[in-house]
């Protein structure tokens, strides 16, 4: 009994840690990019720093100190055809998403992210991974309507920020599609640590090239670099800790839990941002539209989880059919 209570409490701690780190990282990034005290208005450079920090830390933890293990099975063909596209889309998502914070409020950016299932589903249909149905059409329409209502209720709409945020949404949708193709066609399943180990260096390289041309000249033009290394290091460490918290939640609970926690986190971010940032002004229409979108997102998550559960059950049946028949004596022993 005591063990069950302890495990349950530990699970809730992991979930709360994920919600805290995920929402805190969003606020931290917004503060670093917009604060005149930090003086680091370079979203591309900040994202590049995160990926370099993650690459170095993953290497130290897995290869030097060997605290964590990288799953085997990676080949050059898999890396070039799967990991590189995933890393490129991950870099695109983080870069454009962080850039959006310089133009629109955190709350509005979070509301726009609710359109993610629609982008994933449309791209999934195009890639042959999803099938259109009346139910899914209704869910996609509900999410889209909710996001449109939330956008209509936004007081200060900056369309540059909207374009950046939607670009980040498309990048994340493509990353998820590539991940699904990676798992289904390559047959290689990696834990989050292994994913970070392989993807982070690739993402860093994809970010480094545009950084040289887009932000490095601006940073040099502003004189000697005088940034606060402690703040940037803490910011990068929080990003890495967030990825670890995702690993802890998934390993101790389920995919459903992380998705439910994600919905809770979204509401926490939207409501707290109104208190923390002056550029966030929530309206009733904002919240009403976002509420509609979240209902659609919940319906989408429920549909996906039922689909995954059905697939798992069918796989277990196939495996059971392949097991040699046992004698009646074995059955009687099992019943005792």
C-alpha atoms as a PDB file:
ATOM      1  CA  UNK A   1       0.000   0.000   0.000  1.00  0.00           C
ATOM      2  CA  UNK A   2       2.739   2.428   0.998  1.00  0.00           C
ATOM      3  CA  UNK A   3       4.638   1.573  -2.178  1.00  0.00           C
ATOM      4  CA  UNK A   4       1.573   2.310  -4.343  1.00  0.00           C
ATOM      5  CA  UNK A   5       1.039   5.669  -2.627  1.00  0.00           C
ATOM      6  CA  UNK A   6       4.715   6.524  -3.066  1.00  0.00           C
ATOM      7  CA  UNK A   7       4.633   5.622  -6.780  1.00  0.00           C
ATOM      8  CA  UNK A   8       1.431   7.622  -7.270  1.00  0.00           C
ATOM      9  CA  UNK A   9       2.922  10.647  -5.538  1.00  0.00           C
ATOM     10  CA  UNK A  10       6.089  10.351  -7.622  1.00  0.00           C
ATOM     11  CA  UNK A  11       4.017  10.264 -10.821  1.00  0.00           C
ATOM     12  CA  UNK A  12       2.167  13.448  -9.841  1.00  0.00           C
ATOM     13  CA  UNK A  13       5.495  15.100  -9.038  1.00  0.00           C
ATOM     14  CA  UNK A  14       6.786  14.245 -12.526  1.00  0.00           C
ATOM     15  CA  UNK A  15       3.615  15.628 -14.134  1.00  0.00           C
ATOM     16  CA  UNK A  16       3.770  18.852 -12.128  1.00  0.00           C
ATOM     17  CA  UNK A  17       7.475  19.134 -12.960  1.00  0.00           C
ATOM     18  CA  UNK A  18       6.678  18.830 -16.669  1.00  0.00           C
ATOM     19  CA  UNK A  19       3.926  21.477 -16.480  1.00  0.00           C
ATOM     20  CA  UNK A  20       6.187  23.801 -14.478  1.00  0.00           C
ATOM     21  CA  UNK A  21       9.204  23.408 -16.785  1.00  0.00           C
ATOM     22  CA  UNK A  22       7.201  23.569 -20.003  1.00  0.00           C
ATOM     23  CA  UNK A  23       5.312  26.742 -19.090  1.00  0.00           C
ATOM     24  CA  UNK A  24       8.357  28.216 -17.350  1.00  0.00           C
ATOM     25  CA  UNK A  25      10.533  27.672 -20.419  1.00  0.00           C
ATOM     26  CA  UNK A  26       8.062  29.589 -22.587  1.00  0.00           C
ATOM     27  CA  UNK A  27       8.081  32.516 -20.158  1.00  0.00           C
ATOM     28  CA  UNK A  28      11.872  32.314 -19.814  1.00  0.00           C
ATOM     29  CA  UNK A  29      12.389  32.464 -23.597  1.00  0.00           C
ATOM     30  CA  UNK A  30       9.990  35.399 -23.910  1.00  0.00           C
ATOM     31  CA  UNK A  31      11.835  37.267 -21.160  1.00  0.00           C
ATOM     32  CA  UNK A  32      15.301  36.615 -22.616  1.00  0.00           C
ATOM     33  CA  UNK A  33      14.240  37.724 -26.108  1.00  0.00           C
ATOM     34  CA  UNK A  34      12.283  40.831 -25.086  1.00  0.00           C
ATOM     35  CA  UNK A  35      14.087  42.020 -21.956  1.00  0.00           C
ATOM     36  CA  UNK A  36      16.320  45.051 -22.420  1.00  0.00           C
ATOM     37  CA  UNK A  37      18.297  43.987 -19.365  1.00  0.00           C
ATOM     38  CA  UNK A  38      19.332  40.678 -20.955  1.00  0.00           C
ATOM     39  CA  UNK A  39      19.891  42.328 -24.348  1.00  0.00           C
ATOM     40  CA  UNK A  40      19.555  39.150 -26.416  1.00  0.00           C
ATOM     41  CA  UNK A  41      16.887  39.789 -29.096  1.00  0.00           C
ATOM     42  CA  UNK A  42      18.191  36.960 -31.288  1.00  0.00           C
ATOM     43  CA  UNK A  43      15.712  34.050 -31.470  1.00  0.00           C
ATOM     44  CA  UNK A  44      17.814  32.153 -33.991  1.00  0.00           C
ATOM     45  CA  UNK A  45      20.933  32.505 -31.845  1.00  0.00           C
ATOM     46  CA  UNK A  46      19.022  31.475 -28.713  1.00  0.00           C
ATOM     47  CA  UNK A  47      17.669  28.353 -30.412  1.00  0.00           C
ATOM     48  CA  UNK A  48      21.137  27.516 -31.735  1.00  0.00           C
ATOM     49  CA  UNK A  49      22.524  27.856 -28.200  1.00  0.00           C
ATOM     50  CA  UNK A  50      19.877  25.432 -26.917  1.00  0.00           C
ATOM     51  CA  UNK A  51      20.759  22.810 -29.522  1.00  0.00           C
ATOM     52  CA  UNK A  52      24.515  23.098 -28.978  1.00  0.00           C
ATOM     53  CA  UNK A  53      24.040  22.876 -25.204  1.00  0.00           C
ATOM     54  CA  UNK A  54      21.768  19.835 -25.611  1.00  0.00           C
ATOM     55  CA  UNK A  55      24.260  18.128 -27.962  1.00  0.00           C
ATOM     56  CA  UNK A  56      27.182  18.603 -25.570  1.00  0.00           C
ATOM     57  CA  UNK A  57      25.189  17.551 -22.499  1.00  0.00           C
ATOM     58  CA  UNK A  58      23.792  14.428 -24.224  1.00  0.00           C
ATOM     59  CA  UNK A  59      27.306  13.416 -25.253  1.00  0.00           C
ATOM     60  CA  UNK A  60      28.625  13.883 -21.706  1.00  0.00           C
ATOM     61  CA  UNK A  61      25.752  11.971 -20.087  1.00  0.00           C
ATOM     62  CA  UNK A  62      25.796   9.030 -22.523  1.00  0.00           C
ATOM     63  CA  UNK A  63      29.402   8.647 -23.679  1.00  0.00           C
ATOM     64  CA  UNK A  64      31.604  10.208 -20.982  1.00  0.00           C
ATOM     65  CA  UNK A  65      29.813   9.644 -17.664  1.00  0.00           C
ATOM     66  CA  UNK A  66      27.545   6.891 -19.092  1.00  0.00           C
ATOM     67  CA  UNK A  67      24.673   7.849 -16.814  1.00  0.00           C
ATOM     68  CA  UNK A  68      22.195   7.241 -19.640  1.00  0.00           C
ATOM     69  CA  UNK A  69      22.228   4.859 -22.565  1.00  0.00           C
ATOM     70  CA  UNK A  70      21.705   5.561 -26.259  1.00  0.00           C
ATOM     71  CA  UNK A  71      19.626   2.893 -27.942  1.00  0.00           C
ATOM     72  CA  UNK A  72      21.348   1.021 -30.746  1.00  0.00           C
ATOM     73  CA  UNK A  73      20.177   0.384 -34.300  1.00  0.00           C
ATOM     74  CA  UNK A  74      21.005   3.721 -35.929  1.00  0.00           C
ATOM     75  CA  UNK A  75      22.565   3.430 -39.390  1.00  0.00           C
ATOM     76  CA  UNK A  76      23.879   5.984 -41.865  1.00  0.00           C
ATOM     77  CA  UNK A  77      20.882   5.382 -44.145  1.00  0.00           C
ATOM     78  CA  UNK A  78      18.383   5.941 -41.316  1.00  0.00           C
ATOM     79  CA  UNK A  79      20.247   9.044 -40.153  1.00  0.00           C
ATOM     80  CA  UNK A  80      20.346  10.675 -43.597  1.00  0.00           C
ATOM     81  CA  UNK A  81      16.796   9.790 -44.634  1.00  0.00           C
ATOM     82  CA  UNK A  82      15.014  10.229 -41.292  1.00  0.00           C
ATOM     83  CA  UNK A  83      17.020  11.961 -38.573  1.00  0.00           C
ATOM     84  CA  UNK A  84      18.214  14.852 -40.745  1.00  0.00           C
ATOM     85  CA  UNK A  85      14.657  15.784 -41.898  1.00  0.00           C
ATOM     86  CA  UNK A  86      13.426  15.505 -38.296  1.00  0.00           C
ATOM     87  CA  UNK A  87      16.315  17.651 -37.053  1.00  0.00           C
ATOM     88  CA  UNK A  88      15.725  20.255 -39.774  1.00  0.00           C
ATOM     89  CA  UNK A  89      12.002  20.526 -38.966  1.00  0.00           C
ATOM     90  CA  UNK A  90      12.744  20.663 -35.227  1.00  0.00           C
ATOM     91  CA  UNK A  91      15.163  23.533 -35.844  1.00  0.00           C
ATOM     92  CA  UNK A  92      12.579  25.313 -37.995  1.00  0.00           C
ATOM     93  CA  UNK A  93       9.885  24.880 -35.328  1.00  0.00           C
ATOM     94  CA  UNK A  94      11.977  26.288 -32.486  1.00  0.00           C
ATOM     95  CA  UNK A  95      13.443  29.121 -34.537  1.00  0.00           C
ATOM     96  CA  UNK A  96      10.130  30.403 -35.924  1.00  0.00           C
ATOM     97  CA  UNK A  97       8.279  29.796 -32.641  1.00  0.00           C
ATOM     98  CA  UNK A  98      10.818  31.791 -30.635  1.00  0.00           C
ATOM     99  CA  UNK A  99      10.807  34.560 -33.252  1.00  0.00           C
ATOM    100  CA  UNK A 100       7.025  34.852 -32.950  1.00  0.00           C
ATOM    101  CA  UNK A 101       7.399  35.839 -29.276  1.00  0.00           C
ATOM    102  CA  UNK A 102       9.045  39.074 -30.408  1.00  0.00           C
ATOM    103  CA  UNK A 103       5.881  40.136 -32.248  1.00  0.00           C
ATOM    104  CA  UNK A 104       2.883  38.604 -30.472  1.00  0.00           C
ATOM    105  CA  UNK A 105       1.968  37.804 -26.890  1.00  0.00           C
ATOM    106  CA  UNK A 106       2.686  34.436 -25.315  1.00  0.00           C
ATOM    107  CA  UNK A 107      -1.044  33.805 -24.808  1.00  0.00           C
ATOM    108  CA  UNK A 108      -1.926  34.486 -28.449  1.00  0.00           C
ATOM    109  CA  UNK A 109       0.986  32.356 -29.647  1.00  0.00           C
ATOM    110  CA  UNK A 110      -0.307  29.504 -27.483  1.00  0.00           C
ATOM    111  CA  UNK A 111      -3.796  29.903 -28.925  1.00  0.00           C
ATOM    112  CA  UNK A 112      -2.441  29.693 -32.459  1.00  0.00           C
ATOM    113  CA  UNK A 113      -0.593  26.492 -31.530  1.00  0.00           C
ATOM    114  CA  UNK A 114      -3.975  24.838 -30.983  1.00  0.00           C
ATOM    115  CA  UNK A 115      -4.225  24.536 -34.786  1.00  0.00           C
ATOM    116  CA  UNK A 116      -1.419  21.949 -34.658  1.00  0.00           C
ATOM    117  CA  UNK A 117      -3.659  18.833 -34.953  1.00  0.00           C
ATOM    118  CA  UNK A 118      -5.209  20.270 -38.117  1.00  0.00           C
ATOM    119  CA  UNK A 119      -1.798  20.731 -39.751  1.00  0.00           C
ATOM    120  CA  UNK A 120      -0.663  17.262 -38.616  1.00  0.00           C
ATOM    121  CA  UNK A 121      -3.823  15.626 -39.924  1.00  0.00           C
ATOM    122  CA  UNK A 122      -3.772  17.376 -43.318  1.00  0.00           C
ATOM    123  CA  UNK A 123      -0.107  16.488 -43.842  1.00  0.00           C
ATOM    124  CA  UNK A 124      -0.826  12.956 -42.605  1.00  0.00           C
ATOM    125  CA  UNK A 125      -3.566  12.553 -45.209  1.00  0.00           C
ATOM    126  CA  UNK A 126      -1.195  13.847 -47.902  1.00  0.00           C
ATOM    127  CA  UNK A 127       1.484  11.359 -46.781  1.00  0.00           C
ATOM    128  CA  UNK A 128      -0.962   8.458 -46.677  1.00  0.00           C
ATOM    129  CA  UNK A 129      -0.746   8.074 -42.891  1.00  0.00           C
ATOM    130  CA  UNK A 130      -4.269   9.295 -42.117  1.00  0.00           C
ATOM    131  CA  UNK A 131      -7.709   8.735 -43.651  1.00  0.00           C
ATOM    132  CA  UNK A 132     -10.339  11.456 -43.942  1.00  0.00           C
ATOM    133  CA  UNK A 133     -13.638  10.704 -42.227  1.00  0.00           C
ATOM    134  CA  UNK A 134     -16.735  12.654 -41.239  1.00  0.00           C
ATOM    135  CA  UNK A 135     -15.686  12.507 -37.595  1.00  0.00           C
ATOM    136  CA  UNK A 136     -12.184  13.831 -38.276  1.00  0.00           C
ATOM    137  CA  UNK A 137     -13.554  16.525 -40.601  1.00  0.00           C
ATOM    138  CA  UNK A 138     -15.823  17.709 -37.777  1.00  0.00           C
ATOM    139  CA  UNK A 139     -12.956  17.722 -35.259  1.00  0.00           C
ATOM    140  CA  UNK A 140     -10.665  19.641 -37.629  1.00  0.00           C
ATOM    141  CA  UNK A 141     -13.436  22.151 -38.354  1.00  0.00           C
ATOM    142  CA  UNK A 142     -14.083  22.612 -34.614  1.00  0.00           C
ATOM    143  CA  UNK A 143     -10.404  23.322 -33.886  1.00  0.00           C
ATOM    144  CA  UNK A 144     -10.093  25.704 -36.848  1.00  0.00           C
ATOM    145  CA  UNK A 145     -13.258  27.578 -35.842  1.00  0.00           C
ATOM    146  CA  UNK A 146     -12.013  27.928 -32.264  1.00  0.00           C
ATOM    147  CA  UNK A 147      -8.640  29.326 -33.380  1.00  0.00           C
ATOM    148  CA  UNK A 148     -10.380  31.776 -35.749  1.00  0.00           C
ATOM    149  CA  UNK A 149     -12.628  33.013 -32.927  1.00  0.00           C
ATOM    150  CA  UNK A 150      -9.635  33.367 -30.585  1.00  0.00           C
ATOM    151  CA  UNK A 151      -7.758  35.306 -33.272  1.00  0.00           C
ATOM    152  CA  UNK A 152     -10.771  37.559 -33.878  1.00  0.00           C
ATOM    153  CA  UNK A 153     -10.795  38.393 -30.185  1.00  0.00           C
ATOM    154  CA  UNK A 154      -7.098  39.363 -30.139  1.00  0.00           C
ATOM    155  CA  UNK A 155      -6.717  43.065 -29.366  1.00  0.00           C
ATOM    156  CA  UNK A 156      -3.323  43.661 -31.007  1.00  0.00           C
ATOM    157  CA  UNK A 157      -2.765  41.316 -33.938  1.00  0.00           C
ATOM    158  CA  UNK A 158       0.712  41.512 -35.468  1.00  0.00           C
ATOM    159  CA  UNK A 159       0.543  39.539 -38.703  1.00  0.00           C
ATOM    160  CA  UNK A 160       4.315  39.131 -38.885  1.00  0.00           C
ATOM    161  CA  UNK A 161       4.193  37.264 -35.583  1.00  0.00           C
ATOM    162  CA  UNK A 162       1.210  35.225 -36.801  1.00  0.00           C
ATOM    163  CA  UNK A 163       3.145  34.170 -39.921  1.00  0.00           C
ATOM    164  CA  UNK A 164       6.161  33.153 -37.826  1.00  0.00           C
ATOM    165  CA  UNK A 165       3.986  31.197 -35.401  1.00  0.00           C
ATOM    166  CA  UNK A 166       2.097  29.404 -38.173  1.00  0.00           C
ATOM    167  CA  UNK A 167       5.420  28.605 -39.830  1.00  0.00           C
ATOM    168  CA  UNK A 168       6.511  27.028 -36.554  1.00  0.00           C
ATOM    169  CA  UNK A 169       3.264  25.040 -36.449  1.00  0.00           C
ATOM    170  CA  UNK A 170       3.885  23.703 -39.964  1.00  0.00           C
ATOM    171  CA  UNK A 171       7.450  22.804 -39.001  1.00  0.00           C
ATOM    172  CA  UNK A 172       6.271  20.907 -35.926  1.00  0.00           C
ATOM    173  CA  UNK A 173       3.579  19.119 -37.942  1.00  0.00           C
ATOM    174  CA  UNK A 174       6.178  18.020 -40.489  1.00  0.00           C
ATOM    175  CA  UNK A 175       8.470  16.859 -37.673  1.00  0.00           C
ATOM    176  CA  UNK A 176       5.690  14.703 -36.217  1.00  0.00           C
ATOM    177  CA  UNK A 177       4.911  13.262 -39.657  1.00  0.00           C
ATOM    178  CA  UNK A 178       8.592  12.446 -40.223  1.00  0.00           C
ATOM    179  CA  UNK A 179       8.722  10.861 -36.754  1.00  0.00           C
ATOM    180  CA  UNK A 180       5.733   8.656 -37.564  1.00  0.00           C
ATOM    181  CA  UNK A 181       7.263   7.622 -40.883  1.00  0.00           C
ATOM    182  CA  UNK A 182      10.540   7.000 -39.060  1.00  0.00           C
ATOM    183  CA  UNK A 183       8.896   4.646 -36.568  1.00  0.00           C
ATOM    184  CA  UNK A 184       6.584   2.865 -39.015  1.00  0.00           C
ATOM    185  CA  UNK A 185       8.905   2.380 -41.974  1.00  0.00           C
ATOM    186  CA  UNK A 186      12.275   2.159 -40.284  1.00  0.00           C
ATOM    187  CA  UNK A 187      11.024   0.183 -37.310  1.00  0.00           C
ATOM    188  CA  UNK A 188      13.319   1.980 -34.871  1.00  0.00           C
ATOM    189  CA  UNK A 189      11.875   3.316 -31.627  1.00  0.00           C
ATOM    190  CA  UNK A 190      14.054   5.648 -29.573  1.00  0.00           C
ATOM    191  CA  UNK A 191      13.579   7.077 -26.111  1.00  0.00           C
ATOM    192  CA  UNK A 192      13.724  10.891 -25.728  1.00  0.00           C
ATOM    193  CA  UNK A 193      17.384  10.820 -24.639  1.00  0.00           C
ATOM    194  CA  UNK A 194      18.382   8.922 -27.768  1.00  0.00           C
ATOM    195  CA  UNK A 195      16.292  11.265 -29.906  1.00  0.00           C
ATOM    196  CA  UNK A 196      18.032  14.300 -28.395  1.00  0.00           C
ATOM    197  CA  UNK A 197      21.439  12.641 -28.845  1.00  0.00           C
ATOM    198  CA  UNK A 198      20.879  12.112 -32.573  1.00  0.00           C
ATOM    199  CA  UNK A 199      18.664  15.093 -33.447  1.00  0.00           C
ATOM    200  CA  UNK A 200      20.285  17.952 -31.487  1.00  0.00           C
ATOM    201  CA  UNK A 201      23.585  18.083 -33.467  1.00  0.00           C
ATOM    202  CA  UNK A 202      21.665  17.978 -36.736  1.00  0.00           C
ATOM    203  CA  UNK A 203      19.339  20.776 -35.591  1.00  0.00           C
ATOM    204  CA  UNK A 204      22.328  22.820 -34.419  1.00  0.00           C
ATOM    205  CA  UNK A 205      23.930  22.557 -37.869  1.00  0.00           C
ATOM    206  CA  UNK A 206      20.647  23.507 -39.578  1.00  0.00           C
ATOM    207  CA  UNK A 207      20.444  26.594 -37.348  1.00  0.00           C
ATOM    208  CA  UNK A 208      24.122  27.543 -37.586  1.00  0.00           C
ATOM    209  CA  UNK A 209      24.051  28.139 -41.354  1.00  0.00           C
ATOM    210  CA  UNK A 210      21.204  30.716 -41.384  1.00  0.00           C
ATOM    211  CA  UNK A 211      22.538  32.248 -38.145  1.00  0.00           C
ATOM    212  CA  UNK A 212      25.786  33.160 -39.927  1.00  0.00           C
ATOM    213  CA  UNK A 213      23.901  35.146 -42.563  1.00  0.00           C
ATOM    214  CA  UNK A 214      20.890  36.476 -40.646  1.00  0.00           C
ATOM    215  CA  UNK A 215      21.911  37.264 -37.078  1.00  0.00           C
ATOM    216  CA  UNK A 216      25.683  37.199 -36.800  1.00  0.00           C
ATOM    217  CA  UNK A 217      26.049  40.466 -38.814  1.00  0.00           C
ATOM    218  CA  UNK A 218      23.489  42.142 -36.524  1.00  0.00           C
ATOM    219  CA  UNK A 219      25.275  40.936 -33.401  1.00  0.00           C
ATOM    220  CA  UNK A 220      28.615  42.223 -34.694  1.00  0.00           C
ATOM    221  CA  UNK A 221      27.060  45.549 -35.747  1.00  0.00           C
ATOM    222  CA  UNK A 222      25.817  46.163 -32.209  1.00  0.00           C
ATOM    223  CA  UNK A 223      29.375  46.227 -30.896  1.00  0.00           C
ATOM    224  CA  UNK A 224      31.181  43.832 -28.568  1.00  0.00           C
ATOM    225  CA  UNK A 225      29.059  40.944 -27.320  1.00  0.00           C
ATOM    226  CA  UNK A 226      28.065  41.742 -23.748  1.00  0.00           C
ATOM    227  CA  UNK A 227      25.434  39.139 -22.915  1.00  0.00           C
ATOM    228  CA  UNK A 228      24.809  37.514 -19.563  1.00  0.00           C
ATOM    229  CA  UNK A 229      26.294  33.994 -19.823  1.00  0.00           C
ATOM    230  CA  UNK A 230      24.722  32.810 -16.562  1.00  0.00           C
ATOM    231  CA  UNK A 231      21.175  33.642 -17.716  1.00  0.00           C
ATOM    232  CA  UNK A 232      21.703  32.047 -21.142  1.00  0.00           C
ATOM    233  CA  UNK A 233      23.210  28.933 -19.559  1.00  0.00           C
ATOM    234  CA  UNK A 234      20.269  28.599 -17.171  1.00  0.00           C
ATOM    235  CA  UNK A 235      17.887  29.080 -20.084  1.00  0.00           C
ATOM    236  CA  UNK A 236      19.594  26.290 -22.043  1.00  0.00           C
ATOM    237  CA  UNK A 237      19.642  24.048 -18.967  1.00  0.00           C
ATOM    238  CA  UNK A 238      15.902  24.556 -18.503  1.00  0.00           C
ATOM    239  CA  UNK A 239      15.327  23.464 -22.097  1.00  0.00           C
ATOM    240  CA  UNK A 240      17.284  20.274 -21.514  1.00  0.00           C
ATOM    241  CA  UNK A 241      15.493  19.657 -18.200  1.00  0.00           C
ATOM    242  CA  UNK A 242      12.155  20.030 -19.994  1.00  0.00           C
ATOM    243  CA  UNK A 243      13.088  17.254 -22.425  1.00  0.00           C
ATOM    244  CA  UNK A 244      14.093  15.042 -19.507  1.00  0.00           C
ATOM    245  CA  UNK A 245      10.786  15.719 -17.752  1.00  0.00           C
ATOM    246  CA  UNK A 246       8.923  14.522 -20.858  1.00  0.00           C
ATOM    247  CA  UNK A 247      10.958  11.309 -20.682  1.00  0.00           C
ATOM    248  CA  UNK A 248      10.101  10.849 -16.986  1.00  0.00           C
ATOM    249  CA  UNK A 249       6.360  11.398 -17.484  1.00  0.00           C
ATOM    250  CA  UNK A 250       6.126   9.043 -20.466  1.00  0.00           C
ATOM    251  CA  UNK A 251       8.201   6.334 -18.785  1.00  0.00           C
ATOM    252  CA  UNK A 252       6.100   6.441 -15.576  1.00  0.00           C
ATOM    253  CA  UNK A 253       2.645   7.039 -17.060  1.00  0.00           C
ATOM    254  CA  UNK A 254       1.369   6.936 -20.643  1.00  0.00           C
ATOM    255  CA  UNK A 255       0.931   8.949 -23.832  1.00  0.00           C
ATOM    256  CA  UNK A 256      -2.539   9.974 -22.630  1.00  0.00           C
ATOM    257  CA  UNK A 257      -1.100  11.520 -19.462  1.00  0.00           C
ATOM    258  CA  UNK A 258       1.441  13.654 -21.312  1.00  0.00           C
ATOM    259  CA  UNK A 259      -1.269  14.899 -23.671  1.00  0.00           C
ATOM    260  CA  UNK A 260      -3.642  15.777 -20.848  1.00  0.00           C
ATOM    261  CA  UNK A 261      -0.772  17.476 -19.003  1.00  0.00           C
ATOM    262  CA  UNK A 262      -0.032  19.384 -22.207  1.00  0.00           C
ATOM    263  CA  UNK A 263      -3.583  20.755 -22.324  1.00  0.00           C
ATOM    264  CA  UNK A 264      -3.335  21.820 -18.669  1.00  0.00           C
ATOM    265  CA  UNK A 265       0.016  23.454 -19.411  1.00  0.00           C
ATOM    266  CA  UNK A 266      -1.498  25.410 -22.318  1.00  0.00           C
ATOM    267  CA  UNK A 267      -4.156  26.916 -20.066  1.00  0.00           C
ATOM    268  CA  UNK A 268      -1.562  27.719 -17.399  1.00  0.00           C
ATOM    269  CA  UNK A 269       0.547  29.545 -19.979  1.00  0.00           C
ATOM    270  CA  UNK A 270      -2.406  31.498 -21.375  1.00  0.00           C
ATOM    271  CA  UNK A 271      -3.704  32.635 -17.977  1.00  0.00           C
ATOM    272  CA  UNK A 272      -0.345  33.337 -16.309  1.00  0.00           C
ATOM    273  CA  UNK A 273       0.984  35.277 -19.289  1.00  0.00           C
ATOM    274  CA  UNK A 274      -1.781  37.835 -18.730  1.00  0.00           C
ATOM    275  CA  UNK A 275      -0.302  38.476 -15.288  1.00  0.00           C
ATOM    276  CA  UNK A 276       3.384  38.385 -16.239  1.00  0.00           C
ATOM    277  CA  UNK A 277       3.548  40.327 -19.512  1.00  0.00           C
ATOM    278  CA  UNK A 278       2.198  43.762 -20.318  1.00  0.00           C
ATOM    279  CA  UNK A 279       1.594  42.890 -23.984  1.00  0.00           C
ATOM    280  CA  UNK A 280      -0.985  40.213 -23.069  1.00  0.00           C
ATOM    281  CA  UNK A 281      -4.586  41.418 -22.954  1.00  0.00           C
ATOM    282  CA  UNK A 282      -7.077  38.559 -22.837  1.00  0.00           C
ATOM    283  CA  UNK A 283     -10.678  39.087 -23.925  1.00  0.00           C
ATOM    284  CA  UNK A 284     -13.793  36.981 -23.435  1.00  0.00           C
ATOM    285  CA  UNK A 285     -13.780  36.167 -27.161  1.00  0.00           C
ATOM    286  CA  UNK A 286     -10.128  35.056 -26.853  1.00  0.00           C
ATOM    287  CA  UNK A 287     -10.900  32.601 -24.083  1.00  0.00           C
ATOM    288  CA  UNK A 288     -14.168  31.409 -25.650  1.00  0.00           C
ATOM    289  CA  UNK A 289     -12.494  30.625 -28.970  1.00  0.00           C
ATOM    290  CA  UNK A 290      -9.537  28.964 -27.283  1.00  0.00           C
ATOM    291  CA  UNK A 291     -11.921  26.860 -25.200  1.00  0.00           C
ATOM    292  CA  UNK A 292     -13.629  25.619 -28.381  1.00  0.00           C
ATOM    293  CA  UNK A 293     -10.264  24.790 -29.925  1.00  0.00           C
ATOM    294  CA  UNK A 294      -9.149  22.874 -26.809  1.00  0.00           C
ATOM    295  CA  UNK A 295     -12.342  20.772 -26.929  1.00  0.00           C
ATOM    296  CA  UNK A 296     -11.421  19.875 -30.507  1.00  0.00           C
ATOM    297  CA  UNK A 297      -7.837  19.083 -29.496  1.00  0.00           C
ATOM    298  CA  UNK A 298      -9.118  16.804 -26.715  1.00  0.00           C
ATOM    299  CA  UNK A 299     -11.373  15.001 -29.200  1.00  0.00           C
ATOM    300  CA  UNK A 300      -8.433  14.588 -31.579  1.00  0.00           C
ATOM    301  CA  UNK A 301      -6.176  13.188 -28.829  1.00  0.00           C
ATOM    302  CA  UNK A 302      -8.924  10.785 -27.770  1.00  0.00           C
ATOM    303  CA  UNK A 303      -9.333   9.579 -31.365  1.00  0.00           C
ATOM    304  CA  UNK A 304      -5.581   9.051 -31.798  1.00  0.00           C
ATOM    305  CA  UNK A 305      -5.242   7.180 -28.506  1.00  0.00           C
ATOM    306  CA  UNK A 306      -8.155   4.874 -29.329  1.00  0.00           C
ATOM    307  CA  UNK A 307      -6.567   4.215 -32.710  1.00  0.00           C
ATOM    308  CA  UNK A 308      -3.213   3.398 -31.084  1.00  0.00           C
ATOM    309  CA  UNK A 309      -4.906   1.163 -28.491  1.00  0.00           C
ATOM    310  CA  UNK A 310      -6.784  -0.684 -31.235  1.00  0.00           C
ATOM    311  CA  UNK A 311      -3.553  -1.207 -33.170  1.00  0.00           C
ATOM    312  CA  UNK A 312      -1.793  -2.501 -30.049  1.00  0.00           C
ATOM    313  CA  UNK A 313      -4.627  -4.942 -29.353  1.00  0.00           C
ATOM    314  CA  UNK A 314      -4.557  -6.267 -32.920  1.00  0.00           C
ATOM    315  CA  UNK A 315      -0.773  -6.721 -32.699  1.00  0.00           C
ATOM    316  CA  UNK A 316      -1.170  -8.674 -29.449  1.00  0.00           C
ATOM    317  CA  UNK A 317      -3.788 -10.923 -31.083  1.00  0.00           C
ATOM    318  CA  UNK A 318      -1.439 -11.618 -33.988  1.00  0.00           C
ATOM    319  CA  UNK A 319       1.367 -12.472 -31.569  1.00  0.00           C
ATOM    320  CA  UNK A 320      -0.943 -14.767 -29.582  1.00  0.00           C
ATOM    321  CA  UNK A 321      -1.932 -16.607 -32.753  1.00  0.00           C
ATOM    322  CA  UNK A 322       1.729 -17.296 -33.475  1.00  0.00           C
ATOM    323  CA  UNK A 323       2.295 -18.908 -30.027  1.00  0.00           C
ATOM    324  CA  UNK A 324       2.185 -22.767 -30.137  1.00  0.00           C
ATOM    325  CA  UNK A 325      -0.893 -24.340 -28.605  1.00  0.00           C
ATOM    326  CA  UNK A 326      -0.521 -25.531 -24.997  1.00  0.00           C
ATOM    327  CA  UNK A 327      -1.982 -28.671 -23.459  1.00  0.00           C
ATOM    328  CA  UNK A 328      -5.134 -28.745 -21.385  1.00  0.00           C
ATOM    329  CA  UNK A 329      -2.995 -29.592 -18.351  1.00  0.00           C
ATOM    330  CA  UNK A 330      -1.280 -26.225 -18.628  1.00  0.00           C
ATOM    331  CA  UNK A 331      -4.666 -24.487 -18.720  1.00  0.00           C
ATOM    332  CA  UNK A 332      -5.779 -26.246 -15.546  1.00  0.00           C
ATOM    333  CA  UNK A 333      -2.546 -25.278 -13.804  1.00  0.00           C
ATOM    334  CA  UNK A 334      -3.038 -21.659 -14.805  1.00  0.00           C
ATOM    335  CA  UNK A 335      -6.567 -21.619 -13.441  1.00  0.00           C
ATOM    336  CA  UNK A 336      -5.515 -22.868 -10.005  1.00  0.00           C
END
